[in-house]
Amino acid sequence: MVVAAHPEATRVGMEILKQGGNAVDAMVGVHFALAVVYPNAGNLGGGGFMMYRQHDGEVFSLDFREKAPGNAFEDMYLDENGDVIEGESLYGQKASGVPGSVDGMLKAHEKFGTLPLATLIEPAIQLAEKGFLISAQQARNYNYHKKDFVKYNRNPETVTLIKESKWEEGDLLVQKDLAETLTRIKQNGRAGFYEGKTAELLVAEMKAGNGIITLEDLKNYDSAWRNPITGSFRGYKVYSMAPSSSGGIALVQLLKMSEHFPLSDYGSKSAKTIHLMTEMERRVYADRATHLGDSDFWEVPVKALLDDAYIAKRVGQISATQATNSDEVQAMELQNGVQSEETTHYSIVDKHGNAISLTTTINDSYGSKVFVEGAGFLLNNEMDDFSVKAGVPNMYGLLGGAANSIQPEKRMLSAMTPTIVEKDGKLFMVVGTPGGSTIITSVYQVILNVIDHGMTMSDAVSEKRVHSQWQPDMIYIEKGAVSSTVQKELEVMGHVLKERGAIGRVDAILVRPDGSFEGAADPRGDDWAMGLD
């Protein structure tokens, strides 16, 4: 089973499985295909996190998150008065961290892959060289962002997503420069991206603007194997991503808090359930802002944050009937620990039972909006995921401090939450989503929908979602998620509600009791699931 954000990428993954490739082989093929057919989040110029569960139950996690360049420094986005320079961490060359996606794919393939790398990259090369037919949603997207592509690229005529007339559904998108970049990776492996022509083109792009990534930064980039975050929820075992992602810790905190409440009795969209989820989320996101950062640079108090007694204290602060003012919620002092939306996800299970949950991003939709001229791929704007100034929110409204301050070669904190769930020692669920700060709460709700509320995976993914993150002090409600009666009940409790568009695009796989797979592709996008008997 393969579930990904674009039908062509899903097809590539399934063809690799048909050829006898394993889940990691399919992952590599899907990843490079997404860089071609889903350019707003699929990428060569970004990073992400991989959770991999082998059929024997052993779990591995790989952090291929971008890093700050060697010349980065804590106040690099502040003016002489110490104020944030608007847009500088979001747009243009200076917004980019050192890309990790290519290194991550090749490192995972070297350890676990079975088919030749050339076989896995070739489908992406063909999609770039010959082109593919864009969807209606993509046409709207490219037209909407045209002004940004023109503004932030020095020679707009070289940008393949810019078209003189409007894009229409069914138009052919050909990307010759990207095909050549992929070919260099196919022929030369890691050196085909982090050294040689591609690296030189990327650094030339930096010098053409105000970017600071150097050839040395590229050559020195290295993804990192991490010990996964583990936890239990109502008898299920949960594996998720460790820092530099906040996702695993935050998700397990939410699930452990949820065990204190009979949410299945209350229903998935009752005022009581939404109130309790919001109160838990306030406390988890407050902890995130203070305690979480790149564990290579910051002593993250994992054990203390997941301690049962600490979780019980947090639950004890929650009123069953009254909203807490977020200004009154702070990260708690910890003992034995600390001294301080645009992404994509795919899920894969092969015939052996090996499972991949992988989330990857260039941060905002189309990242920094800058294409590397001559190489055909987008640069990320991940530097905005650092705390560019303590107390100043990033583009997703997330706050941070010293734990997530900018330092050379440090990885910026992420909310990505690729997750694998076991039941009785066997694979049960593979799940993840894009969505910036809403990633954690979207994964959390899908797990609750299946385990507490008895939904099928398709219903759990399609179900309308809500989101809260401590600051700003409100509940975001996906349009149509709750009734007017429930909204009024929440307002009486003291909650502030704000309706918004789609929350997340979950791609997930559930193992049914008979051993068959249920793949769920989120209807909010062009996502697609394919399975093979």
Protein backbone atom coordinates (compact mmCIF):
# COMPACT_ATOMS: atom_id res chain seq x y z
CA MET A 1 0.00 0.00 0.00
CA VAL A 2 1.21 3.48 -0.91
CA VAL A 3 -0.58 6.69 0.04
CA ALA A 4 0.91 10.00 -1.13
CA ALA A 5 -0.01 13.57 -2.06
CA HIS A 6 -0.11 13.04 -5.84
CA PRO A 7 -1.36 10.11 -7.96
CA GLU A 8 1.84 10.01 -10.05
CA ALA A 9 4.02 9.69 -6.93
CA THR A 10 1.76 6.97 -5.54
CA ARG A 11 2.00 5.13 -8.87
CA VAL A 12 5.82 5.32 -8.80
CA GLY A 13 5.91 3.83 -5.31
CA MET A 14 3.54 1.02 -6.26
CA GLU A 15 5.55 0.15 -9.39
CA ILE A 16 8.69 -0.14 -7.26
CA LEU A 17 6.89 -2.50 -4.87
CA LYS A 18 5.71 -4.57 -7.86
CA GLN A 19 9.34 -4.85 -9.01
CA GLY A 20 10.21 -6.45 -5.67
CA GLY A 21 11.44 -3.32 -3.92
CA ASN A 22 10.86 -2.89 -0.21
CA ALA A 23 9.21 0.01 1.64
CA VAL A 24 12.44 2.05 1.73
CA ASP A 25 12.95 1.59 -2.01
CA ALA A 26 9.39 2.80 -2.59
CA MET A 27 10.00 5.71 -0.24
CA VAL A 28 12.99 6.88 -2.28
CA GLY A 29 11.02 6.64 -5.51
CA VAL A 30 8.02 8.48 -4.06
CA HIS A 31 10.20 11.20 -2.58
CA PHE A 32 12.00 12.07 -5.81
CA ALA A 33 8.74 11.82 -7.77
CA LEU A 34 7.05 14.27 -5.39
CA ALA A 35 9.91 16.73 -6.02
CA VAL A 36 8.68 16.76 -9.64
CA VAL A 37 4.89 16.45 -9.46
CA TYR A 38 4.19 18.22 -6.14
CA PRO A 39 6.60 21.17 -6.11
CA ASN A 40 4.83 23.14 -3.40
CA ALA A 41 6.07 20.61 -0.80
CA GLY A 42 7.76 17.64 -2.50
CA ASN A 43 11.39 18.60 -2.70
CA LEU A 44 15.10 18.28 -3.22
CA GLY A 45 15.73 21.57 -1.42
CA GLY A 46 14.00 20.78 1.87
CA GLY A 47 14.14 18.19 4.63
CA GLY A 48 12.05 16.00 6.86
CA PHE A 49 11.76 12.96 9.11
CA MET A 50 11.45 9.23 8.44
CA MET A 51 9.96 6.60 10.74
CA TYR A 52 10.70 3.05 9.60
CA ARG A 53 9.35 -0.09 11.25
CA GLN A 54 10.79 -3.37 10.01
CA HIS A 55 8.56 -6.41 9.78
CA ASP A 56 10.37 -7.84 12.83
CA GLY A 57 9.23 -4.87 14.93
CA GLU A 58 12.51 -2.93 15.09
CA VAL A 59 11.94 0.81 14.59
CA PHE A 60 14.37 3.36 13.16
CA SER A 61 14.02 7.12 12.76
CA LEU A 62 16.04 9.43 10.54
CA ASP A 63 16.26 13.20 11.00
CA PHE A 64 17.07 14.83 7.67
CA ARG A 65 15.87 18.26 8.77
CA GLU A 66 17.64 21.25 7.23
CA LYS A 67 20.43 22.99 9.16
CA ALA A 68 21.33 26.63 9.64
CA PRO A 69 24.28 27.62 7.43
CA GLY A 70 27.70 28.01 9.04
CA ASN A 71 27.50 31.81 8.78
CA ALA A 72 24.11 32.01 10.52
CA PHE A 73 23.83 33.84 13.84
CA GLU A 74 21.14 34.42 16.45
CA ASP A 75 20.10 37.97 15.45
CA MET A 76 20.49 37.61 11.69
CA TYR A 77 16.89 38.64 10.98
CA LEU A 78 16.83 41.67 13.29
CA ASP A 79 17.51 45.31 12.38
CA GLU A 80 19.76 47.72 14.28
CA ASN A 81 16.92 48.35 16.74
CA GLY A 82 16.50 44.66 17.50
CA ASP A 83 13.20 44.40 15.60
CA VAL A 84 12.40 41.56 13.21
CA ILE A 85 12.94 42.50 9.56
CA GLU A 86 9.60 41.61 8.03
CA GLY A 87 9.73 38.80 5.46
CA GLU A 88 13.49 38.21 5.55
CA SER A 89 13.19 34.76 7.18
CA LEU A 90 10.37 33.85 4.77
CA TYR A 91 11.29 35.02 1.26
CA GLY A 92 14.41 35.06 -0.84
CA GLN A 93 17.73 33.28 -0.60
CA LYS A 94 18.52 34.25 3.00
CA ALA A 95 15.44 32.35 4.25
CA SER A 96 16.93 28.95 3.34
CA GLY A 97 18.57 26.36 5.51
CA VAL A 98 20.97 23.74 4.14
CA PRO A 99 18.82 21.08 2.40
CA GLY A 100 18.66 17.58 3.88
CA SER A 101 16.25 15.61 1.67
CA VAL A 102 18.77 14.12 -0.77
CA ASP A 103 21.16 13.07 2.00
CA GLY A 104 18.28 11.54 3.94
CA MET A 105 17.02 9.50 1.00
CA LEU A 106 20.49 8.21 0.13
CA LYS A 107 21.41 7.42 3.74
CA ALA A 108 18.20 5.42 4.26
CA HIS A 109 18.67 3.63 0.94
CA GLU A 110 22.28 2.74 1.75
CA LYS A 111 21.20 1.09 5.02
CA PHE A 112 17.92 -0.57 3.99
CA GLY A 113 17.36 -0.37 0.22
CA THR A 114 17.45 -3.39 -2.07
CA LEU A 115 16.99 -2.04 -5.62
CA PRO A 116 19.66 0.10 -7.35
CA LEU A 117 19.36 3.84 -6.71
CA ALA A 118 19.26 4.50 -10.45
CA THR A 119 16.12 2.37 -10.75
CA LEU A 120 14.41 4.38 -8.02
CA ILE A 121 15.25 7.85 -9.37
CA GLU A 122 14.57 7.13 -13.05
CA PRO A 123 10.75 7.47 -12.79
CA ALA A 124 11.16 11.00 -11.39
CA ILE A 125 13.57 11.86 -14.20
CA GLN A 126 11.02 10.71 -16.77
CA LEU A 127 8.25 12.74 -15.11
CA ALA A 128 10.44 15.84 -15.23
CA GLU A 129 11.78 15.23 -18.74
CA LYS A 130 8.53 14.22 -20.46
CA GLY A 131 6.18 16.13 -18.20
CA PHE A 132 2.93 15.28 -16.45
CA LEU A 133 -0.62 16.62 -16.62
CA ILE A 134 -1.39 19.01 -13.78
CA SER A 135 -4.59 18.86 -11.73
CA ALA A 136 -7.19 21.60 -11.34
CA GLN A 137 -5.93 22.28 -7.81
CA GLN A 138 -2.36 22.64 -9.07
CA ALA A 139 -3.43 25.01 -11.85
CA ARG A 140 -5.13 27.27 -9.30
CA ASN A 141 -2.06 27.08 -7.10
CA TYR A 142 0.47 27.99 -9.80
CA ASN A 143 -1.69 30.90 -10.98
CA TYR A 144 -2.10 32.20 -7.44
CA HIS A 145 1.65 32.16 -6.70
CA LYS A 146 2.78 33.57 -10.06
CA LYS A 147 3.37 37.04 -8.62
CA ASP A 148 5.68 35.62 -5.94
CA PHE A 149 7.63 33.54 -8.45
CA VAL A 150 8.13 36.64 -10.59
CA LYS A 151 9.09 38.79 -7.60
CA TYR A 152 11.66 36.48 -6.00
CA ASN A 153 13.39 34.98 -9.05
CA ARG A 154 15.98 37.04 -10.91
CA ASN A 155 15.16 35.52 -14.32
CA PRO A 156 11.47 34.55 -14.18
CA GLU A 157 11.61 33.19 -17.75
CA THR A 158 13.64 30.23 -16.41
CA VAL A 159 10.98 29.26 -13.82
CA THR A 160 8.89 26.38 -15.14
CA LEU A 161 5.89 27.21 -12.92
CA ILE A 162 5.53 30.64 -14.56
CA LYS A 163 3.35 30.67 -17.65
CA GLU A 164 2.39 33.71 -19.73
CA SER A 165 -1.22 32.61 -19.93
CA LYS A 166 -3.17 30.98 -17.10
CA TRP A 167 -2.50 27.38 -16.15
CA GLU A 168 -5.44 25.06 -16.83
CA GLU A 169 -6.24 21.55 -15.62
CA GLY A 170 -4.58 19.04 -17.95
CA ASP A 171 -1.70 21.32 -19.01
CA LEU A 172 1.65 19.55 -19.43
CA LEU A 173 4.40 20.62 -17.00
CA VAL A 174 7.91 19.84 -18.27
CA GLN A 175 10.97 20.54 -16.08
CA LYS A 176 14.19 19.99 -18.05
CA ASP A 177 16.59 21.57 -15.53
CA LEU A 178 15.12 19.47 -12.73
CA ALA A 179 15.52 16.34 -14.87
CA GLU A 180 19.22 17.14 -15.26
CA THR A 181 19.61 17.69 -11.51
CA LEU A 182 17.96 14.34 -10.79
CA THR A 183 20.20 12.70 -13.39
CA ARG A 184 23.30 14.00 -11.59
CA ILE A 185 22.04 12.41 -8.36
CA LYS A 186 21.30 9.17 -10.23
CA GLN A 187 24.82 9.08 -11.68
CA ASN A 188 26.88 10.43 -8.78
CA GLY A 189 24.80 9.82 -5.66
CA ARG A 190 25.33 12.30 -2.86
CA ALA A 191 28.08 14.14 -4.74
CA GLY A 192 25.59 14.75 -7.53
CA PHE A 193 23.76 17.20 -5.28
CA TYR A 194 26.04 18.37 -2.46
CA GLU A 195 29.08 18.82 -4.70
CA GLY A 196 29.77 19.54 -8.36
CA LYS A 197 27.44 21.40 -10.70
CA THR A 198 24.27 21.31 -8.58
CA ALA A 199 26.09 22.61 -5.50
CA GLU A 200 27.73 25.33 -7.57
CA LEU A 201 24.38 26.40 -9.01
CA LEU A 202 22.86 26.54 -5.52
CA VAL A 203 25.71 28.66 -4.15
CA ALA A 204 25.54 30.94 -7.21
CA GLU A 205 21.85 31.43 -6.37
CA MET A 206 22.85 32.36 -2.83
CA LYS A 207 25.37 34.94 -4.06
CA ALA A 208 22.85 36.42 -6.50
CA GLY A 209 20.64 37.33 -3.56
CA ASN A 210 21.49 37.73 0.09
CA GLY A 211 21.81 34.02 0.91
CA ILE A 212 24.57 32.55 3.04
CA ILE A 213 24.75 28.81 2.18
CA THR A 214 28.28 27.88 1.05
CA LEU A 215 29.85 24.92 -0.74
CA GLU A 216 31.29 23.89 2.62
CA ASP A 217 27.81 23.92 4.21
CA LEU A 218 26.53 21.59 1.50
CA LYS A 219 29.47 19.21 1.69
CA ASN A 220 29.25 19.03 5.50
CA TYR A 221 25.49 18.37 5.74
CA ASP A 222 24.69 15.06 7.45
CA SER A 223 21.31 13.60 8.42
CA ALA A 224 21.09 11.90 11.81
CA TRP A 225 19.66 8.63 13.11
CA ARG A 226 17.61 9.28 16.26
CA ASN A 227 16.07 7.11 18.95
CA PRO A 228 12.31 7.34 18.34
CA ILE A 229 9.92 8.76 20.92
CA THR A 230 7.79 5.92 22.28
CA GLY A 231 4.65 5.88 24.37
CA SER A 232 1.49 3.93 25.00
CA PHE A 233 -2.17 4.81 24.59
CA ARG A 234 -4.98 2.53 25.75
CA GLY A 235 -2.82 -0.55 25.17
CA TYR A 236 -1.41 0.55 21.79
CA LYS A 237 2.28 1.37 21.37
CA VAL A 238 3.14 4.61 19.61
CA TYR A 239 6.40 5.45 17.83
CA SER A 240 7.02 8.98 16.64
CA MET A 241 9.80 11.44 15.87
CA ALA A 242 12.29 12.83 18.37
CA PRO A 243 13.79 16.35 18.27
CA SER A 244 14.62 18.25 16.15
CA SER A 245 10.94 17.48 15.68
CA SER A 246 8.60 18.41 18.50
CA GLY A 247 5.96 16.09 17.05
CA GLY A 248 6.71 12.88 18.91
CA ILE A 249 6.94 14.40 22.38
CA ALA A 250 3.86 16.58 21.86
CA LEU A 251 1.79 13.70 20.43
CA VAL A 252 2.66 11.30 23.24
CA GLN A 253 1.93 14.00 25.83
CA LEU A 254 -1.51 14.55 24.29
CA LEU A 255 -2.28 10.83 24.17
CA LYS A 256 -1.12 10.25 27.75
CA MET A 257 -3.28 13.15 28.95
CA SER A 258 -6.22 11.78 26.96
CA GLU A 259 -6.07 8.52 28.89
CA HIS A 260 -7.37 10.47 31.90
CA PHE A 261 -10.68 11.14 30.13
CA PRO A 262 -13.37 8.82 28.65
CA LEU A 263 -13.38 10.63 25.30
CA SER A 264 -15.17 7.76 23.56
CA ASP A 265 -18.16 8.39 25.81
CA TYR A 266 -18.25 12.07 24.88
CA GLY A 267 -18.06 11.67 21.07
CA SER A 268 -15.56 13.04 18.57
CA LYS A 269 -17.13 16.46 18.02
CA SER A 270 -18.90 17.17 21.30
CA ALA A 271 -18.21 20.42 23.13
CA LYS A 272 -16.77 18.44 26.04
CA THR A 273 -14.25 16.56 23.87
CA ILE A 274 -13.16 19.70 21.98
CA HIS A 275 -12.83 21.62 25.25
CA LEU A 276 -10.64 18.93 26.82
CA MET A 277 -8.48 18.56 23.71
CA THR A 278 -7.98 22.33 23.64
CA GLU A 279 -6.96 22.44 27.29
CA MET A 280 -4.44 19.64 26.75
CA GLU A 281 -3.10 21.34 23.64
CA ARG A 282 -2.58 24.65 25.49
CA ARG A 283 -0.23 22.94 27.91
CA VAL A 284 1.60 20.85 25.32
CA TYR A 285 2.32 23.81 23.04
CA ALA A 286 3.45 25.91 26.03
CA ASP A 287 5.95 23.15 26.88
CA ARG A 288 7.04 23.04 23.25
CA ALA A 289 7.84 26.75 23.19
CA THR A 290 10.14 26.54 26.22
CA HIS A 291 11.69 23.09 26.31
CA LEU A 292 12.08 21.78 22.76
CA GLY A 293 14.86 22.32 20.24
CA ASP A 294 17.57 20.45 18.33
CA SER A 295 18.85 17.82 20.78
CA ASP A 296 22.36 18.17 19.34
CA PHE A 297 22.41 21.73 20.76
CA TRP A 298 19.89 21.69 23.63
CA GLU A 299 19.29 19.28 26.48
CA VAL A 300 15.70 18.30 25.74
CA PRO A 301 13.97 16.94 28.88
CA VAL A 302 12.24 14.04 27.14
CA LYS A 303 11.88 11.81 30.21
CA ALA A 304 10.54 14.64 32.38
CA LEU A 305 7.99 15.81 29.80
CA LEU A 306 6.61 12.28 29.34
CA ASP A 307 6.69 11.31 33.03
CA ASP A 308 3.32 10.01 34.26
CA ALA A 309 3.39 12.21 37.36
CA TYR A 310 4.11 15.31 35.27
CA ILE A 311 1.28 14.42 32.87
CA ALA A 312 -1.07 13.97 35.85
CA LYS A 313 -0.11 17.44 37.16
CA ARG A 314 -0.90 18.96 33.79
CA VAL A 315 -4.26 17.17 33.69
CA GLY A 316 -4.99 18.39 37.21
CA GLN A 317 -4.85 21.98 35.95
CA ILE A 318 -7.76 21.38 33.57
CA SER A 319 -11.31 22.36 34.46
CA ALA A 320 -14.00 20.17 32.94
CA THR A 321 -16.27 23.15 32.35
CA GLN A 322 -14.16 26.30 31.99
CA ALA A 323 -11.54 27.40 29.45
CA THR A 324 -8.15 28.50 30.75
CA ASN A 325 -6.77 31.84 29.60
CA SER A 326 -3.67 30.95 27.57
CA ASP A 327 -1.76 33.84 29.16
CA GLU A 328 -2.07 31.97 32.45
CA VAL A 329 -0.65 28.74 30.99
CA GLN A 330 3.13 28.44 31.09
CA ALA A 331 5.65 25.67 30.71
CA MET A 332 6.17 24.01 34.09
CA GLU A 333 9.50 23.70 35.81
CA LEU A 334 10.93 20.25 35.31
CA GLN A 335 12.96 18.03 37.58
CA ASN A 336 15.87 15.92 36.29
CA GLY A 337 15.70 17.36 32.83
CA VAL A 338 16.36 20.84 31.62
CA GLN A 339 18.63 23.49 33.07
CA SER A 340 15.89 25.79 29.56
CA GLU A 341 1.81 25.01 6.04
CA GLU A 342 3.27 23.59 3.58
CA THR A 343 4.51 20.07 3.96
CA THR A 344 3.66 16.65 2.60
CA HIS A 345 3.40 13.18 4.10
CA TYR A 346 3.35 9.68 2.69
CA SER A 347 2.76 6.24 4.17
CA ILE A 348 3.98 2.93 2.74
CA VAL A 349 3.72 -0.73 3.74
CA ASP A 350 5.37 -3.46 1.65
CA LYS A 351 4.43 -7.15 1.28
CA HIS A 352 6.81 -8.12 4.08
CA GLY A 353 5.15 -5.75 6.56
CA ASN A 354 7.93 -3.13 6.55
CA ALA A 355 6.34 0.29 7.11
CA ILE A 356 7.39 3.87 6.32
CA SER A 357 5.87 7.03 7.76
CA LEU A 358 7.61 10.08 6.29
CA THR A 359 6.91 13.80 6.45
CA THR A 360 8.90 16.28 4.37
CA THR A 361 8.72 20.00 3.68
CA ILE A 362 10.20 23.21 2.34
CA ASN A 363 8.09 24.99 5.02
CA ASP A 364 5.76 27.47 3.34
CA SER A 365 4.02 26.51 0.10
CA TYR A 366 6.84 26.68 -2.49
CA GLY A 367 9.30 27.51 0.30
CA SER A 368 11.22 30.76 -0.18
CA LYS A 369 9.65 31.07 -3.69
CA VAL A 370 13.21 30.96 -5.11
CA PHE A 371 14.16 28.38 -7.74
CA VAL A 372 17.85 27.50 -8.08
CA GLU A 373 18.49 28.85 -11.55
CA GLY A 374 19.74 26.10 -13.86
CA ALA A 375 18.86 23.34 -11.37
CA GLY A 376 15.07 23.65 -11.40
CA PHE A 377 14.26 23.05 -7.73
CA LEU A 378 12.89 25.30 -5.00
CA LEU A 379 14.78 26.49 -1.94
CA ASN A 380 13.18 26.13 1.48
CA ASN A 381 12.35 28.93 3.91
CA GLU A 382 12.97 26.83 7.01
CA MET A 383 14.99 29.52 8.81
CA ASP A 384 11.60 30.95 9.85
CA ASP A 385 11.08 27.83 11.97
CA PHE A 386 13.79 29.03 14.33
CA SER A 387 12.81 31.48 17.02
CA VAL A 388 14.15 34.51 15.17
CA LYS A 389 13.39 36.58 18.28
CA ALA A 390 12.10 35.31 21.62
CA GLY A 391 8.37 35.98 21.97
CA VAL A 392 7.84 36.76 18.28
CA PRO A 393 5.70 34.10 16.53
CA ASN A 394 6.75 32.44 13.28
CA MET A 395 4.50 32.16 10.22
CA TYR A 396 2.41 29.49 11.99
CA GLY A 397 1.97 31.56 15.15
CA LEU A 398 4.35 29.34 17.12
CA LEU A 399 6.45 30.90 19.85
CA GLY A 400 9.94 29.88 20.97
CA GLY A 401 12.97 30.92 22.94
CA ALA A 402 16.54 29.89 23.66
CA ALA A 403 15.94 26.21 22.94
CA ASN A 404 15.16 27.07 19.31
CA SER A 405 17.43 30.07 18.77
CA ILE A 406 19.52 30.30 15.58
CA GLN A 407 22.99 28.79 15.76
CA PRO A 408 25.33 27.63 12.97
CA GLU A 409 24.62 24.02 11.85
CA LYS A 410 21.66 23.73 14.21
CA ARG A 411 18.39 22.19 13.02
CA MET A 412 15.30 24.34 13.41
CA LEU A 413 12.45 22.89 15.51
CA SER A 414 9.66 21.20 13.55
CA ALA A 415 6.09 20.07 14.20
CA MET A 416 6.32 17.15 11.76
CA THR A 417 4.89 14.00 13.33
CA PRO A 418 5.39 10.85 11.22
CA THR A 419 3.96 8.11 13.42
CA ILE A 420 3.64 4.32 13.56
CA VAL A 421 1.26 2.56 15.96
CA GLU A 422 1.40 -1.10 17.06
CA LYS A 423 -1.28 -3.31 18.56
CA ASP A 424 -0.22 -6.48 20.41
CA GLY A 425 3.27 -6.19 18.94
CA LYS A 426 2.00 -6.02 15.34
CA LEU A 427 1.76 -3.13 12.90
CA PHE A 428 -1.55 -1.30 13.32
CA MET A 429 -1.32 2.20 11.83
CA VAL A 430 0.95 4.39 9.71
CA VAL A 431 -0.02 8.05 9.85
CA GLY A 432 1.17 11.61 9.29
CA THR A 433 0.22 14.91 7.69
CA PRO A 434 1.39 18.32 6.53
CA GLY A 435 -0.01 21.47 8.10
CA GLY A 436 2.61 23.44 10.02
CA SER A 437 1.56 23.87 13.64
CA THR A 438 -1.62 21.82 12.98
CA ILE A 439 0.37 18.66 12.17
CA ILE A 440 0.53 17.45 15.77
CA THR A 441 -3.17 17.95 16.48
CA SER A 442 -4.24 16.43 13.15
CA VAL A 443 -2.30 13.20 13.79
CA TYR A 444 -3.63 13.18 17.36
CA GLN A 445 -7.25 13.47 16.19
CA VAL A 446 -6.91 10.72 13.57
CA ILE A 447 -5.53 8.34 16.22
CA LEU A 448 -8.40 9.28 18.57
CA ASN A 449 -10.92 8.84 15.76
CA VAL A 450 -9.80 5.27 15.15
CA ILE A 451 -9.03 4.07 18.68
CA ASP A 452 -11.49 6.04 20.82
CA HIS A 453 -14.28 6.73 18.35
CA GLY A 454 -14.23 3.48 16.35
CA MET A 455 -13.94 5.03 12.88
CA THR A 456 -12.55 3.41 9.76
CA MET A 457 -9.30 4.98 8.58
CA SER A 458 -11.08 6.63 5.67
CA ASP A 459 -13.65 8.22 7.98
CA ALA A 460 -10.96 9.18 10.50
CA VAL A 461 -8.98 11.01 7.81
CA SER A 462 -11.99 12.64 6.18
CA GLU A 463 -13.50 13.83 9.48
CA LYS A 464 -13.40 17.63 9.88
CA ARG A 465 -10.76 18.80 12.36
CA VAL A 466 -10.21 21.45 15.01
CA HIS A 467 -6.94 22.91 16.28
CA SER A 468 -5.57 24.89 19.19
CA GLN A 469 -1.93 25.71 20.03
CA TRP A 470 -1.81 27.78 23.24
CA GLN A 471 -1.03 31.05 21.47
CA PRO A 472 -2.99 32.64 19.90
CA ASP A 473 -5.70 31.89 22.44
CA MET A 474 -8.40 30.40 20.22
CA ILE A 475 -9.79 27.22 18.70
CA TYR A 476 -9.52 27.00 14.91
CA ILE A 477 -12.46 25.10 13.47
CA GLU A 478 -12.42 23.63 9.99
CA LYS A 479 -15.48 24.83 8.11
CA GLY A 480 -18.39 22.51 8.91
CA ALA A 481 -16.56 20.67 11.70
CA VAL A 482 -19.06 21.34 14.50
CA SER A 483 -22.68 22.37 14.88
CA SER A 484 -23.79 25.82 15.93
CA THR A 485 -24.98 24.30 19.22
CA VAL A 486 -21.52 22.97 20.00
CA GLN A 487 -19.97 26.31 19.07
CA LYS A 488 -22.25 28.09 21.52
CA GLU A 489 -21.43 25.58 24.28
CA LEU A 490 -17.72 26.18 23.76
CA GLU A 491 -18.19 29.96 23.83
CA VAL A 492 -20.09 29.66 27.12
CA MET A 493 -17.06 27.79 28.52
CA GLY A 494 -14.92 30.78 27.57
CA HIS A 495 -13.36 29.63 24.30
CA VAL A 496 -12.78 31.92 21.33
CA LEU A 497 -13.55 30.21 18.01
CA LYS A 498 -12.32 31.00 14.52
CA GLU A 499 -13.49 29.19 11.39
CA ARG A 500 -10.87 28.41 8.76
CA GLY A 501 -10.24 26.28 5.68
CA ALA A 502 -8.77 22.80 5.45
CA ILE A 503 -6.64 21.56 8.36
CA GLY A 504 -4.02 19.02 7.32
CA ARG A 505 -3.86 16.44 4.54
CA VAL A 506 -3.48 13.12 6.31
CA ASP A 507 -2.24 10.09 4.37
CA ALA A 508 -2.54 6.94 6.42
CA ILE A 509 -2.71 3.14 6.41
CA LEU A 510 -4.61 0.93 8.86
CA VAL A 511 -4.10 -2.80 9.28
CA ARG A 512 -7.54 -4.36 9.70
CA PRO A 513 -8.18 -7.36 12.02
CA ASP A 514 -8.05 -9.73 9.01
CA GLY A 515 -4.60 -8.42 8.06
CA SER A 516 -5.75 -6.44 5.02
CA PHE A 517 -4.75 -2.80 4.58
CA GLU A 518 -7.03 0.22 4.48
CA GLY A 519 -5.30 3.14 2.79
CA ALA A 520 -6.81 6.58 3.33
CA ALA A 521 -5.84 9.50 1.08
CA ASP A 522 -7.05 12.85 2.37
CA PRO A 523 -9.90 14.24 0.22
CA ARG A 524 -8.67 17.76 0.98
CA GLY A 525 -6.08 17.40 -1.80
CA ASP A 526 -5.14 15.35 -4.86
CA ASP A 527 -3.81 12.62 -2.55
CA TRP A 528 -4.07 9.04 -3.76
CA ALA A 529 -3.91 5.55 -2.25
CA MET A 530 -2.99 2.38 -4.15
CA GLY A 531 -2.84 -1.16 -2.85
CA LEU A 532 -1.79 -4.51 -4.25
CA ASP A 533 -3.10 -7.94 -3.27
